[in-house]
Each structure stands twice: as C-alpha cells, then as structure tokens.
N, C-alpha and C. Protein backbone atom coordinates (compact mmCIF):
# COMPACT_ATOMS: atom_id res chain seq x y z
N MET A 1 136.83 55.74 89.58
CA MET A 1 136.09 55.45 88.84
C MET A 1 136.60 55.20 87.49
N GLU A 2 135.72 54.20 86.58
CA GLU A 2 135.69 53.71 85.57
C GLU A 2 136.36 55.21 84.07
N PRO A 3 137.12 54.51 83.36
CA PRO A 3 136.86 55.46 82.02
C PRO A 3 135.54 55.80 81.28
N LEU A 4 135.52 56.87 81.03
CA LEU A 4 133.97 56.39 79.74
C LEU A 4 133.91 55.69 78.41
N LEU A 5 133.20 54.89 78.04
CA LEU A 5 133.88 54.28 77.03
C LEU A 5 132.83 54.56 75.89
N PRO A 6 133.69 54.22 74.60
CA PRO A 6 132.90 54.92 73.19
C PRO A 6 131.16 54.21 73.64
N ARG A 7 130.18 54.58 72.92
CA ARG A 7 129.17 54.36 72.97
C ARG A 7 128.82 53.14 72.41
N SER A 8 129.17 52.46 71.61
CA SER A 8 128.59 51.27 70.32
C SER A 8 130.03 50.46 71.84
N ALA A 9 130.71 50.53 72.48
CA ALA A 9 131.53 49.72 73.52
C ALA A 9 130.87 49.53 74.90
N GLU A 10 129.69 50.30 74.73
CA GLU A 10 128.55 50.12 76.77
C GLU A 10 127.81 49.63 75.88
N ALA A 11 127.35 49.39 75.05
CA ALA A 11 126.28 48.32 74.48
C ALA A 11 126.87 47.33 73.96
N GLU A 12 127.78 47.13 74.06
CA GLU A 12 128.80 45.70 73.89
C GLU A 12 128.90 45.04 74.91
N LEU A 13 129.46 46.14 75.64
CA LEU A 13 129.73 45.58 77.25
C LEU A 13 128.69 45.16 78.01
N ALA A 14 127.95 45.28 78.45
CA ALA A 14 126.86 45.35 78.59
C ALA A 14 126.27 44.09 78.13
N ALA A 15 125.51 43.47 77.19
CA ALA A 15 125.69 42.72 76.11
C ALA A 15 126.07 41.65 76.42
N VAL A 16 127.93 41.30 76.55
CA VAL A 16 128.49 40.53 77.19
C VAL A 16 128.42 40.51 78.44
N ARG A 17 128.05 41.19 79.17
CA ARG A 17 128.00 41.01 80.86
C ARG A 17 126.97 39.69 80.64
N MET A 18 126.33 40.25 80.13
CA MET A 18 124.97 39.15 80.37
C MET A 18 125.52 37.81 79.73
N ARG A 19 126.02 37.74 78.68
CA ARG A 19 126.36 36.14 78.00
C ARG A 19 127.20 35.90 79.31
N ARG A 20 128.53 36.71 79.40
CA ARG A 20 128.93 36.27 80.95
C ARG A 20 128.41 35.24 82.06
N ALA A 21 127.32 36.02 82.22
CA ALA A 21 126.41 35.66 83.87
C ALA A 21 126.04 33.72 83.28
N GLU A 22 125.45 34.10 81.96
CA GLU A 22 124.35 33.06 81.38
C GLU A 22 125.79 32.00 81.28
N LEU A 23 126.35 32.10 80.88
CA LEU A 23 128.00 30.79 81.02
C LEU A 23 128.39 30.57 81.95
N ARG A 24 128.69 31.35 83.39
CA ARG A 24 129.14 31.06 84.05
C ARG A 24 128.38 30.11 84.83
N GLU A 25 126.64 30.36 85.45
CA GLU A 25 125.78 29.81 85.55
C GLU A 25 125.72 28.26 84.47
N THR A 26 125.89 27.87 83.39
CA THR A 26 125.37 27.14 82.93
C THR A 26 127.04 25.97 82.92
N LEU A 27 127.95 26.69 82.74
CA LEU A 27 129.30 25.89 83.56
C LEU A 27 129.51 25.48 84.89
N SER A 28 128.79 25.99 85.30
CA SER A 28 128.37 26.00 87.28
C SER A 28 127.39 24.15 87.11
N VAL A 29 126.51 24.38 86.59
CA VAL A 29 125.56 23.21 86.36
C VAL A 29 126.07 22.12 85.75
N LEU A 30 126.87 22.06 84.73
CA LEU A 30 127.85 21.11 83.85
C LEU A 30 128.82 20.16 85.26
N GLU A 31 129.14 21.37 85.62
CA GLU A 31 130.74 21.10 87.15
C GLU A 31 130.11 20.34 87.90
N HIS A 32 128.54 20.37 88.50
CA HIS A 32 127.74 20.34 89.16
C HIS A 32 127.54 18.77 89.10
N THR A 33 127.22 18.35 87.50
CA THR A 33 126.48 17.05 87.35
C THR A 33 127.93 16.98 86.58
N LEU A 34 128.56 17.36 86.34
CA LEU A 34 129.53 16.26 86.02
C LEU A 34 130.16 15.75 87.58
N ALA A 35 130.18 16.37 89.00
CA ALA A 35 130.56 15.74 90.36
C ALA A 35 129.64 14.90 90.86
N ALA A 36 128.62 14.95 89.85
CA ALA A 36 127.31 13.67 90.76
C ALA A 36 128.04 12.46 90.55
N PRO A 37 127.92 11.59 91.96
CA PRO A 37 127.85 10.21 92.04
C PRO A 37 126.81 9.65 90.75
N ALA A 38 128.00 8.93 89.53
CA ALA A 38 127.42 8.17 88.94
C ALA A 38 127.15 6.64 89.30
N SER A 39 128.65 6.01 90.23
CA SER A 39 127.56 4.39 90.43
C SER A 39 126.94 4.22 90.94
N GLY A 40 126.35 2.55 89.71
CA GLY A 40 125.02 3.13 89.63
C GLY A 40 124.22 3.40 89.03
N ARG A 41 124.52 4.79 88.88
CA ARG A 41 123.27 5.36 87.84
C ARG A 41 123.91 5.87 86.64
N GLU A 42 124.30 5.63 86.00
CA GLU A 42 125.98 5.78 84.94
C GLU A 42 124.59 5.99 84.02
N VAL A 43 123.67 6.09 83.81
CA VAL A 43 122.35 6.28 82.61
C VAL A 43 122.28 7.16 83.12
N VAL A 44 121.78 7.46 84.17
CA VAL A 44 121.03 8.72 84.70
C VAL A 44 122.04 9.68 84.43
N TRP A 45 123.37 9.35 85.51
CA TRP A 45 124.17 10.69 85.32
C TRP A 45 124.71 11.25 83.81
N GLY A 46 124.95 9.88 82.79
CA GLY A 46 125.34 10.22 81.54
C GLY A 46 124.68 11.44 80.78
N GLU A 47 122.41 10.92 80.76
CA GLU A 47 121.77 11.92 80.47
C GLU A 47 121.88 13.19 80.51
N ALA A 48 122.03 13.55 82.52
CA ALA A 48 122.40 14.80 83.26
C ALA A 48 123.23 15.02 82.07
N VAL A 49 124.18 14.84 81.97
CA VAL A 49 125.81 15.12 81.82
C VAL A 49 125.44 15.54 79.87
N HIS A 50 125.04 14.64 79.74
CA HIS A 50 124.74 14.99 77.83
C HIS A 50 123.34 16.78 77.95
N ASP A 51 122.55 16.61 78.38
CA ASP A 51 122.07 17.89 78.78
C ASP A 51 122.81 18.95 78.87
N ALA A 52 123.69 18.22 80.20
CA ALA A 52 123.94 19.81 80.92
C ALA A 52 125.22 20.88 79.46
N LEU A 53 125.61 19.30 78.97
CA LEU A 53 127.00 19.35 77.75
C LEU A 53 125.46 20.48 76.00
N ILE A 54 124.44 19.98 76.10
CA ILE A 54 124.10 21.01 75.00
C ILE A 54 123.43 22.21 75.60
N THR A 55 122.96 22.50 77.08
CA THR A 55 122.72 23.67 77.37
C THR A 55 124.08 25.02 77.44
N VAL A 56 125.17 23.95 77.29
CA VAL A 56 126.78 24.70 77.68
C VAL A 56 126.77 24.97 75.64
N VAL A 57 126.55 24.31 74.54
CA VAL A 57 126.65 24.00 73.62
C VAL A 57 125.80 25.66 73.15
N GLY A 58 124.76 25.82 73.53
CA GLY A 58 123.73 26.69 72.96
C GLY A 58 124.47 28.12 73.57
N ASP A 59 124.88 28.30 74.74
CA ASP A 59 125.43 29.29 75.58
C ASP A 59 126.72 29.60 75.11
N PHE A 60 127.70 28.86 74.56
CA PHE A 60 128.68 28.96 73.96
C PHE A 60 128.47 29.85 72.84
N GLY A 61 127.25 29.09 71.67
CA GLY A 61 127.33 29.65 70.03
C GLY A 61 126.59 31.17 70.71
N ALA A 62 126.16 31.47 72.01
CA ALA A 62 125.46 32.72 72.09
C ALA A 62 126.72 33.22 71.85
N HIS A 63 127.82 32.89 73.03
CA HIS A 63 129.02 34.06 73.39
C HIS A 63 130.08 34.12 72.19
N VAL A 64 130.53 32.72 71.33
CA VAL A 64 130.99 33.29 69.42
C VAL A 64 129.84 34.34 68.81
N GLU A 65 128.31 34.05 68.43
CA GLU A 65 127.61 35.45 68.23
C GLU A 65 127.96 36.85 68.53
N ILE A 66 128.17 36.41 69.96
CA ILE A 66 128.39 38.10 70.63
C ILE A 66 129.75 39.07 70.72
N THR A 67 130.73 37.68 70.56
CA THR A 67 132.03 38.39 69.78
C THR A 67 132.43 38.66 68.71
N GLU A 68 131.90 36.97 67.91
CA GLU A 68 132.41 37.41 66.65
C GLU A 68 131.78 37.52 65.94
N GLY A 69 130.79 38.18 66.05
CA GLY A 69 129.39 38.30 65.66
C GLY A 69 129.73 39.64 64.78
N PRO A 70 128.90 40.17 63.77
CA PRO A 70 128.76 41.09 62.65
C PRO A 70 128.88 42.88 63.96
N GLY A 71 129.54 43.67 64.15
CA GLY A 71 128.91 44.70 65.10
C GLY A 71 130.11 44.20 66.84
N GLY A 72 129.93 42.95 67.11
CA GLY A 72 130.53 42.29 67.61
C GLY A 72 131.75 42.86 68.70
N LEU A 73 131.75 42.09 70.09
CA LEU A 73 132.73 42.83 70.90
C LEU A 73 134.04 43.08 70.42
N HIS A 74 134.41 41.43 69.09
CA HIS A 74 135.87 41.73 68.67
C HIS A 74 135.81 42.78 67.99
N GLN A 75 135.10 43.29 67.14
CA GLN A 75 135.09 44.36 66.45
C GLN A 75 135.10 46.02 66.68
N THR A 76 134.25 46.07 68.15
CA THR A 76 133.89 47.31 68.91
C THR A 76 136.06 47.44 69.79
N ILE A 77 136.75 45.86 70.02
CA ILE A 77 137.60 46.01 70.36
C ILE A 77 138.88 46.74 69.23
N LEU A 78 138.93 45.69 68.02
CA LEU A 78 139.40 46.55 66.98
C LEU A 78 139.32 47.79 66.19
N SER A 79 138.28 48.06 67.11
CA SER A 79 137.84 49.43 65.91
C SER A 79 139.25 50.34 67.17
N ALA A 80 139.03 50.16 68.79
CA ALA A 80 139.53 51.05 69.85
C ALA A 80 140.62 51.19 69.46
N ASP A 81 141.23 49.56 69.57
CA ASP A 81 143.03 49.53 69.47
C ASP A 81 143.37 48.37 68.67
N LEU A 82 143.97 49.06 67.35
CA LEU A 82 144.67 47.90 66.66
C LEU A 82 145.76 47.36 67.31
N ARG A 83 146.20 47.25 68.10
CA ARG A 83 146.96 46.50 68.37
C ARG A 83 146.89 45.50 69.33
N LEU A 84 145.47 45.39 69.59
CA LEU A 84 145.12 44.12 70.16
C LEU A 84 144.69 43.16 69.14
N ALA A 85 145.21 43.23 67.58
CA ALA A 85 144.54 41.98 67.00
C ALA A 85 145.16 41.19 67.51
N ASN A 86 146.26 40.86 67.96
CA ASN A 86 146.60 39.32 68.01
C ASN A 86 145.81 38.72 69.26
N ALA A 87 145.47 39.41 69.46
CA ALA A 87 145.03 38.99 71.33
C ALA A 87 143.86 38.08 70.71
N VAL A 88 142.81 39.47 70.08
CA VAL A 88 141.29 39.11 69.36
C VAL A 88 141.28 37.84 68.58
N GLN A 89 142.51 37.39 68.14
CA GLN A 89 142.55 36.07 67.00
C GLN A 89 142.60 35.07 68.07
N ALA A 90 143.21 35.37 68.61
CA ALA A 90 143.69 33.78 69.59
C ALA A 90 142.76 33.28 70.16
N LEU A 91 141.74 34.36 71.40
CA LEU A 91 140.00 33.91 70.99
C LEU A 91 139.86 33.46 70.02
N ALA A 92 138.98 33.45 69.16
CA ALA A 92 138.33 33.55 67.98
C ALA A 92 139.15 32.60 67.40
N ASP A 93 140.05 31.66 67.74
CA ASP A 93 140.94 30.68 67.13
C ASP A 93 140.17 29.47 68.14
N GLU A 94 140.79 30.07 69.48
CA GLU A 94 139.86 29.18 70.84
C GLU A 94 138.55 28.80 70.46
N HIS A 95 137.70 29.58 69.84
CA HIS A 95 136.24 29.53 70.08
C HIS A 95 135.78 28.46 69.18
N GLY A 96 136.94 28.18 67.52
CA GLY A 96 136.67 26.89 67.20
C GLY A 96 137.22 25.98 67.99
N LEU A 97 138.20 25.76 68.62
CA LEU A 97 138.74 24.61 69.26
C LEU A 97 137.92 24.32 70.55
N ILE A 98 137.42 25.20 70.92
CA ILE A 98 136.39 24.73 72.36
C ILE A 98 134.74 24.16 71.54
N ALA A 99 134.32 24.66 70.44
CA ALA A 99 133.77 24.33 70.02
C ALA A 99 133.68 23.17 69.34
N ASP A 100 134.70 21.96 69.16
CA ASP A 100 135.02 21.41 68.69
C ASP A 100 135.17 20.66 69.81
N GLN A 101 136.00 20.45 70.56
CA GLN A 101 135.91 19.82 72.18
C GLN A 101 134.53 19.51 72.84
N LEU A 102 133.89 20.75 72.59
CA LEU A 102 132.35 20.82 72.71
C LEU A 102 131.12 19.67 72.34
N ALA A 103 131.66 19.87 71.03
CA ALA A 103 130.44 18.55 69.83
C ALA A 103 131.16 17.27 70.02
N VAL A 104 131.84 17.16 70.53
CA VAL A 104 132.61 15.77 70.29
C VAL A 104 132.40 14.49 71.93
N LEU A 105 132.35 16.19 73.20
CA LEU A 105 131.57 15.64 74.03
C LEU A 105 130.68 15.60 74.45
N VAL A 106 129.33 15.74 73.43
CA VAL A 106 128.14 16.00 73.23
C VAL A 106 127.56 14.41 72.35
N ALA A 107 128.45 14.40 71.32
CA ALA A 107 128.33 13.05 70.65
C ALA A 107 128.98 11.88 71.78
N ASP A 108 129.81 11.77 72.69
CA ASP A 108 129.81 10.92 73.47
C ASP A 108 128.99 10.75 74.51
N SER A 109 128.47 11.41 74.80
CA SER A 109 127.52 11.31 75.78
C SER A 109 125.88 11.25 75.78
N GLU A 110 126.09 10.95 74.25
CA GLU A 110 124.84 10.62 73.73
C GLU A 110 124.54 9.37 74.43
N PRO A 111 122.86 9.53 75.20
CA PRO A 111 122.65 8.19 75.86
C PRO A 111 122.76 6.93 74.75
N PRO A 112 123.21 5.67 76.14
CA PRO A 112 123.48 5.77 77.53
C PRO A 112 124.65 5.62 77.47
N VAL A 113 125.46 6.02 78.45
CA VAL A 113 126.83 5.94 78.88
C VAL A 113 126.73 4.99 79.76
N ILE A 114 127.47 4.16 79.11
CA ILE A 114 128.21 2.58 80.65
C ILE A 114 128.78 2.86 81.38
N PRO A 115 128.60 2.05 82.10
CA PRO A 115 129.90 2.47 83.69
C PRO A 115 131.09 2.76 83.02
N ALA A 116 131.65 1.56 82.04
CA ALA A 116 132.64 1.77 81.04
C ALA A 116 133.58 3.28 80.86
N ASP A 117 132.46 4.03 80.39
CA ASP A 117 132.21 6.16 79.71
C ASP A 117 132.76 6.66 80.98
N VAL A 118 132.01 6.66 82.11
CA VAL A 118 131.97 7.61 82.82
C VAL A 118 132.88 8.39 83.13
N ASP A 119 134.39 7.81 84.09
CA ASP A 119 135.26 8.26 84.40
C ASP A 119 136.30 9.51 83.17
N ASN A 120 135.95 8.62 82.14
CA ASN A 120 136.67 9.40 80.57
C ASN A 120 135.50 10.60 80.64
N LEU A 121 134.48 10.57 80.63
CA LEU A 121 133.69 11.73 80.10
C LEU A 121 133.57 12.77 81.15
N ARG A 122 134.01 11.97 82.42
CA ARG A 122 134.08 13.04 83.50
C ARG A 122 135.49 13.80 83.33
N GLU A 123 136.47 13.09 82.87
CA GLU A 123 138.33 13.60 83.24
C GLU A 123 137.67 14.49 81.77
N ARG A 124 137.47 14.60 81.01
CA ARG A 124 137.03 15.26 79.65
C ARG A 124 136.13 16.54 80.24
N GLY A 125 134.96 16.51 80.78
CA GLY A 125 134.49 17.20 81.33
C GLY A 125 135.30 18.36 81.79
N VAL A 126 136.01 17.80 82.69
CA VAL A 126 136.22 18.72 83.40
C VAL A 126 137.69 19.57 82.50
N ARG A 127 138.12 19.01 82.21
CA ARG A 127 139.34 19.43 81.52
C ARG A 127 139.07 20.74 80.44
N LEU A 128 137.59 20.02 79.80
CA LEU A 128 136.43 21.77 78.82
C LEU A 128 136.48 22.79 80.03
N LEU A 129 135.85 22.04 81.71
CA LEU A 129 135.66 23.58 82.31
C LEU A 129 136.79 23.93 82.42
N ALA A 130 137.80 23.84 82.38
CA ALA A 130 139.37 24.90 83.19
C ALA A 130 139.11 25.69 81.83
N GLU A 131 138.99 24.88 80.70
CA GLU A 131 139.61 25.91 79.10
C GLU A 131 138.79 26.82 79.03
N LEU A 132 137.35 26.44 79.09
CA LEU A 132 135.99 27.79 79.43
C LEU A 132 136.54 28.68 80.06
N LEU A 133 136.98 28.67 81.49
CA LEU A 133 137.05 29.54 82.33
C LEU A 133 138.35 30.16 82.16
N ARG A 134 139.60 29.37 81.72
CA ARG A 134 141.03 30.19 81.13
C ARG A 134 140.48 30.67 80.32
N HIS A 135 139.44 30.73 79.52
CA HIS A 135 138.90 31.85 78.23
C HIS A 135 137.68 32.75 78.48
N ARG A 136 137.33 32.45 79.97
CA ARG A 136 136.76 33.53 79.62
C ARG A 136 137.79 34.57 80.75
N GLN A 137 138.20 33.94 81.34
CA GLN A 137 139.48 35.22 82.11
C GLN A 137 140.22 36.01 81.00
N ARG A 138 140.44 34.91 79.92
CA ARG A 138 141.08 35.58 78.44
C ARG A 138 140.45 36.99 77.97
N GLY A 139 139.27 36.83 78.61
CA GLY A 139 138.53 37.76 77.88
C GLY A 139 137.98 38.50 78.49
N ALA A 140 138.05 38.60 79.77
CA ALA A 140 137.84 39.75 80.95
C ALA A 140 138.93 40.39 80.14
N ASP A 141 140.86 39.43 80.34
CA ASP A 141 141.61 40.60 80.19
C ASP A 141 141.57 41.30 79.54
N LEU A 142 141.27 40.82 77.89
CA LEU A 142 141.19 41.83 77.18
C LEU A 142 140.32 42.58 76.91
N VAL A 143 139.57 42.96 77.03
CA VAL A 143 138.03 43.61 77.39
C VAL A 143 139.15 44.89 78.56
N TYR A 144 139.37 44.85 79.84
CA TYR A 144 139.83 45.33 80.61
C TYR A 144 141.36 45.91 79.90
N GLU A 145 142.07 45.28 78.90
CA GLU A 145 143.45 46.07 78.08
C GLU A 145 142.59 47.09 77.32
N ALA A 146 141.54 46.48 76.44
CA ALA A 146 140.93 47.66 75.28
C ALA A 146 139.99 49.03 76.51
N PHE A 147 138.85 48.69 77.16
CA PHE A 147 138.90 49.49 77.92
C PHE A 147 139.15 50.46 79.01
N GLN A 148 140.05 48.96 80.10
CA GLN A 148 140.05 49.80 81.66
C GLN A 148 138.65 49.40 82.06
N THR A 149 138.42 48.13 81.94
CA THR A 149 137.33 48.33 82.58
C THR A 149 136.80 46.58 82.81
N ASP A 150 136.26 46.68 84.10
CA ASP A 150 136.34 44.79 84.75
C ASP A 150 134.57 44.66 84.46
N ILE A 151 135.13 43.15 83.35
CA ILE A 151 133.26 42.81 82.93
C ILE A 151 132.84 41.82 83.96
N GLY A 152 133.26 41.93 84.96
CA GLY A 152 133.29 40.68 86.07
C GLY A 152 134.06 39.23 85.89
N GLY A 153 134.76 38.86 86.87
CA GLY A 153 135.38 37.77 86.95
C GLY A 153 134.30 36.91 88.01
N VAL A 154 133.76 37.25 88.84
CA VAL A 154 132.99 36.19 89.80
C VAL A 154 131.49 37.21 89.44
N ASP A 155 130.63 35.48 89.07
CA ASP A 155 129.50 36.25 87.80
C ASP A 155 128.14 35.57 88.99
C-alpha cells in the first residue's frame, strides 16, 4: 500500500499522470513517424515528422507548465522535501535544453524535406526521443523519492 500523500500532492500527481500519458502517446507517434519509410516520399515523410514534432512541442510545453508553473509539481516536491532541490533544478534545466532541441528540429523539418535531410532529421529525432524518455524516467524517480509513489513507467 502506498503512503498517504499531502492533498496538494494528490492533485498535482493526478495532473502529472494525465500529462505523462498524453506525452507518451505523442512520443510514440513521433517514433512511428520517424521510423516510417522515407525513400521516394521525403516530402510526405517530412510533413508528417514536422506535424508530429509540433504536437510534441505542445505536449512538452504543457508538461513544463504543470511541473514548473505556479503551484506546480516542482513546488509541491520542494515543499515536501528541500533536499531534492538539486534534482528539481536539474529537471528544470533539462526542460530548457529539450525545448531548444525541439525548436531546432521543428525549424529544420519545415517543408519541404529533401532526400539529403532525411537521415539527419531521423537521427536527431531519435536522439531527442531518447532524451525525452530519460527525462521522463528521472521525473518519475524524483516523484518516487519525494512521495514514495509511482506515477507510472508504462503508460
């Protein structure tokens, strides 16, 4: 049985779980889009990748807002356990780095994508996916450390 959480944490964790599931689904769409065949259909592939990246930007922005925004999860964690301040700051710092990577990929995938762009975009997209998955895991680990509750590794 999981320990009882402070009321403020319960609401925050429910919202985080919902956003987490949405972001996971969006990342799955991006993964499938990146893995789709591009040969002979680079323009269509590039448009699909661009659209998927735009969706990731929106969902990632919502994730940042729910964690860093006023009354967000990071504030709740810090009010529960100040010793986690460095881990909270590290995750917040990652938000900026990931947002920058997303912005560059969105710009670089602006249609039309030409054959010479495909391998580079695919490689960078896959690296970004890996970074986002590691970020999600570090966030789940932090929540577990703060509240001894699992927010879900598999969505």
